[in-house]
Amino acid sequence: MEKRYFSPIVIFLSILFLVYGCGGNGGGNGITAEQLIEQGWTKFKAGNFSGAGGDFNAALGLDANAYEAYLGLGWTELRQSHGGLAENAFVIYVDSTSDAQYQARGGLVLAYLAQAKFQNAITTANVVLSAVSAWTFSNDGNFNHLDLKLALVQSYYEIAEYTQCLDAINTYFDQAFNPGDVNTDQGREALAEKIESLYTG
């Protein structure tokens, strides 16, 4: 049987396909990292957090400098109760870009709180609230400055900074609230009940 060989023109066309069809910032279907990020936020807003995470990871696979994908991953992991993974993604985003820092830092507060890193939560919450007093997460308005203020109040309580806890409650939620001496068992119990009421509405 006669041997068959690939002609030079076939090889050349194959190379062109690899370079232009699969290269650059697009995948095999031509989608770009930017489009994947946009698609990820659409899924995020629809509550499909797993699917959103897949898109954000795919965007980073196409472009390691698509830093907004880290912001998306942070919020996606946070919504799936993966505090450590959320923290990692937020920190990479904050360290890599100066854009929308407070969108990531607000998420970091909640990621720290989820991991009982209360001092980190306090420090970061104060930074965000000092800069953007009416902070709101742009891709989910259900997360806003009230969540950061609650995190601040709870974190102060958890590290036994009861006076600061009371100050935060008076400043952000109820100026008239007076539990008495917060260094007594009765005062601390009143603080705890107040915090619970703030969460439950």
Protein backbone atom coordinates (compact mmCIF):
# COMPACT_ATOMS: atom_id res chain seq x y z
CA MET A 1 0.00 0.00 0.00
CA GLU A 2 1.24 3.44 -0.87
CA LYS A 3 2.32 5.53 2.15
CA ARG A 4 0.42 8.70 2.81
CA TYR A 5 2.23 11.82 4.02
CA PHE A 6 0.92 15.13 5.30
CA SER A 7 1.79 17.83 2.81
CA PRO A 8 3.61 20.99 4.00
CA ILE A 9 0.51 23.08 3.33
CA VAL A 10 -1.61 20.92 5.67
CA ILE A 11 0.99 21.20 8.42
CA PHE A 12 1.16 24.97 7.91
CA LEU A 13 -2.62 25.35 8.13
CA SER A 14 -2.69 23.22 11.26
CA ILE A 15 -0.16 25.50 12.93
CA LEU A 16 -2.21 28.55 11.98
CA PHE A 17 -5.27 26.97 13.56
CA LEU A 18 -3.43 26.32 16.80
CA VAL A 19 -2.06 29.82 16.97
CA TYR A 20 -5.16 31.78 16.02
CA GLY A 21 -7.88 29.39 17.04
CA CYS A 22 -6.64 28.52 20.52
CA GLY A 23 -4.11 31.16 21.40
CA GLY A 24 -4.35 34.59 22.97
CA ASN A 25 -6.92 35.26 25.69
CA GLY A 26 -9.62 33.14 24.13
CA GLY A 27 -10.42 29.50 24.59
CA GLY A 28 -11.04 26.93 21.90
CA ASN A 29 -14.51 28.42 21.39
CA GLY A 30 -13.14 31.95 21.15
CA ILE A 31 -14.43 33.13 24.55
CA THR A 32 -12.19 35.58 26.38
CA ALA A 33 -11.27 35.92 30.04
CA GLU A 34 -13.29 39.12 30.19
CA GLN A 35 -16.36 37.36 28.83
CA LEU A 36 -15.93 34.51 31.32
CA ILE A 37 -15.77 37.01 34.17
CA GLU A 38 -18.94 38.72 32.97
CA GLN A 39 -20.60 35.31 32.65
CA GLY A 40 -19.41 34.43 36.15
CA TRP A 41 -21.02 37.53 37.66
CA THR A 42 -24.26 36.75 35.85
CA LYS A 43 -24.31 33.29 37.41
CA PHE A 44 -23.34 34.75 40.78
CA LYS A 45 -26.29 37.14 40.73
CA ALA A 46 -28.57 34.22 39.83
CA GLY A 47 -27.34 32.27 42.85
CA ASN A 48 -25.33 29.73 40.84
CA PHE A 49 -22.18 30.11 42.93
CA SER A 50 -20.56 26.85 41.85
CA GLY A 51 -21.01 27.73 38.18
CA ALA A 52 -19.74 31.25 38.80
CA GLY A 53 -16.63 29.87 40.46
CA GLY A 54 -16.01 27.66 37.45
CA ASP A 55 -16.15 30.66 35.14
CA PHE A 56 -13.83 32.75 37.31
CA ASN A 57 -11.30 29.91 37.47
CA ALA A 58 -11.57 29.41 33.71
CA ALA A 59 -10.88 33.13 33.20
CA LEU A 60 -7.69 32.84 35.23
CA GLY A 61 -6.74 29.81 33.17
CA LEU A 62 -6.86 31.99 30.08
CA ASP A 63 -5.30 35.09 31.62
CA ALA A 64 -3.40 34.99 34.90
CA ASN A 65 -3.68 38.77 35.08
CA ALA A 66 -7.49 38.79 34.97
CA TYR A 67 -7.53 39.95 38.57
CA GLU A 68 -11.25 40.65 38.73
CA ALA A 69 -11.68 36.89 38.63
CA TYR A 70 -10.08 36.74 42.08
CA LEU A 71 -12.67 39.22 43.35
CA GLY A 72 -15.37 36.99 41.91
CA LEU A 73 -13.82 33.88 43.42
CA GLY A 74 -13.63 35.55 46.82
CA TRP A 75 -17.33 36.36 46.88
CA THR A 76 -18.26 33.03 45.34
CA GLU A 77 -16.35 31.09 48.01
CA LEU A 78 -17.78 33.33 50.73
CA ARG A 79 -21.32 32.59 49.58
CA GLN A 80 -20.49 28.88 49.79
CA SER A 81 -19.21 29.30 53.38
CA HIS A 82 -15.58 28.70 52.40
CA GLY A 83 -14.03 31.42 54.52
CA GLY A 84 -10.41 30.40 54.03
CA LEU A 85 -10.68 30.13 50.25
CA ALA A 86 -12.53 33.44 50.14
CA GLU A 87 -9.79 35.11 52.16
CA ASN A 88 -7.07 33.77 49.86
CA ALA A 89 -8.80 35.08 46.74
CA PHE A 90 -9.52 38.49 48.27
CA VAL A 91 -5.94 38.89 49.45
CA ILE A 92 -4.57 38.09 45.98
CA TYR A 93 -6.94 40.66 44.50
CA VAL A 94 -5.99 43.35 47.02
CA ASP A 95 -2.29 42.68 46.56
CA SER A 96 -2.56 42.75 42.77
CA THR A 97 -4.68 45.78 41.96
CA SER A 98 -5.74 49.17 43.22
CA ASP A 99 -9.17 48.96 41.59
CA ALA A 100 -12.30 48.43 43.71
CA GLN A 101 -10.20 47.61 46.75
CA TYR A 102 -13.10 48.14 49.12
CA GLN A 103 -15.26 45.66 47.23
CA ALA A 104 -12.69 43.04 48.19
CA ARG A 105 -11.91 44.41 51.65
CA GLY A 106 -15.58 44.34 52.58
CA GLY A 107 -15.65 40.67 51.63
CA LEU A 108 -12.48 40.12 53.64
CA VAL A 109 -14.23 41.35 56.78
CA LEU A 110 -16.86 38.64 56.39
CA ALA A 111 -14.27 35.99 55.49
CA TYR A 112 -12.29 36.84 58.63
CA LEU A 113 -15.43 36.71 60.75
CA ALA A 114 -16.32 33.30 59.32
CA GLN A 115 -12.93 32.00 60.45
CA ALA A 116 -13.06 33.64 63.89
CA LYS A 117 -10.18 35.96 62.94
CA PHE A 118 -11.81 38.68 64.96
CA GLN A 119 -8.95 41.16 65.22
CA ASN A 120 -8.45 41.03 61.45
CA ALA A 121 -12.17 41.57 60.97
CA ILE A 122 -12.10 44.61 63.28
CA THR A 123 -9.09 46.20 61.60
CA THR A 124 -10.43 45.69 58.08
CA ALA A 125 -13.98 46.76 58.92
CA ASN A 126 -12.71 50.01 60.41
CA VAL A 127 -10.61 50.68 57.30
CA VAL A 128 -13.56 50.12 54.96
CA LEU A 129 -16.13 52.04 57.01
CA SER A 130 -13.76 54.96 57.47
CA ALA A 131 -13.30 55.20 53.71
CA VAL A 132 -16.80 54.25 52.51
CA SER A 133 -19.33 54.73 55.29
CA ALA A 134 -22.24 53.52 53.12
CA TRP A 135 -20.34 50.55 51.65
CA THR A 136 -22.35 48.15 49.49
CA PHE A 137 -21.19 45.17 47.46
CA SER A 138 -21.88 46.16 43.87
CA ASN A 139 -22.87 42.68 42.68
CA ASP A 140 -25.20 41.88 45.57
CA GLY A 141 -26.80 44.78 47.42
CA ASN A 142 -27.86 42.43 50.22
CA PHE A 143 -24.30 42.82 51.49
CA ASN A 144 -23.75 46.34 52.76
CA HIS A 145 -22.27 48.50 55.50
CA LEU A 146 -24.66 47.02 58.07
CA ASP A 147 -23.00 43.62 57.66
CA LEU A 148 -19.60 45.18 58.31
CA LYS A 149 -20.90 47.03 61.35
CA LEU A 150 -22.43 43.84 62.72
CA ALA A 151 -19.14 42.04 62.13
CA LEU A 152 -17.40 44.81 64.05
CA VAL A 153 -19.79 44.57 66.99
CA GLN A 154 -19.61 40.78 67.14
CA SER A 155 -15.82 40.71 66.81
CA TYR A 156 -15.36 43.18 69.67
CA TYR A 157 -17.59 41.00 71.82
CA GLU A 158 -15.76 37.79 70.89
CA ILE A 159 -12.37 39.18 71.95
CA ALA A 160 -13.86 40.55 75.19
CA GLU A 161 -13.54 44.20 74.18
CA TYR A 162 -16.92 44.95 75.70
CA THR A 163 -16.58 48.72 75.97
CA GLN A 164 -15.66 48.96 72.26
CA CYS A 165 -18.54 46.61 71.48
CA LEU A 166 -20.95 48.94 73.26
CA ASP A 167 -19.46 51.99 71.56
CA ALA A 168 -19.98 50.36 68.15
CA ILE A 169 -23.60 49.52 68.99
CA ASN A 170 -24.24 53.09 70.16
CA THR A 171 -22.50 54.57 67.12
CA TYR A 172 -24.00 52.41 64.40
CA PHE A 173 -27.26 50.94 65.68
CA ASP A 174 -28.79 52.26 68.89
CA GLN A 175 -27.50 55.42 70.51
CA ALA A 176 -29.80 54.97 73.51
CA PHE A 177 -28.83 51.38 74.32
CA ASN A 178 -27.42 51.17 77.87
CA PRO A 179 -26.74 47.72 79.32
CA GLY A 180 -25.11 49.10 82.45
CA ASP A 181 -21.63 47.99 83.40
CA VAL A 182 -20.44 45.80 80.53
CA ASN A 183 -17.70 44.32 82.70
CA THR A 184 -20.27 42.47 84.79
CA ASP A 185 -22.01 39.23 83.87
CA GLN A 186 -25.32 41.07 83.64
CA GLY A 187 -23.88 43.73 81.34
CA ARG A 188 -22.23 41.17 79.06
CA GLU A 189 -25.45 39.16 78.88
CA ALA A 190 -27.32 42.31 77.86
CA LEU A 191 -24.71 42.95 75.16
CA ALA A 192 -25.06 39.41 73.83
CA GLU A 193 -28.84 39.72 73.70
CA LYS A 194 -28.55 43.04 71.88
CA ILE A 195 -26.18 41.57 69.28
CA GLU A 196 -28.56 38.68 68.69
CA SER A 197 -31.44 41.12 68.20
CA LEU A 198 -29.37 43.07 65.67
CA TYR A 199 -28.86 39.92 63.62
CA THR A 200 -32.47 38.80 63.80
CA GLY A 201 -33.93 42.25 63.23
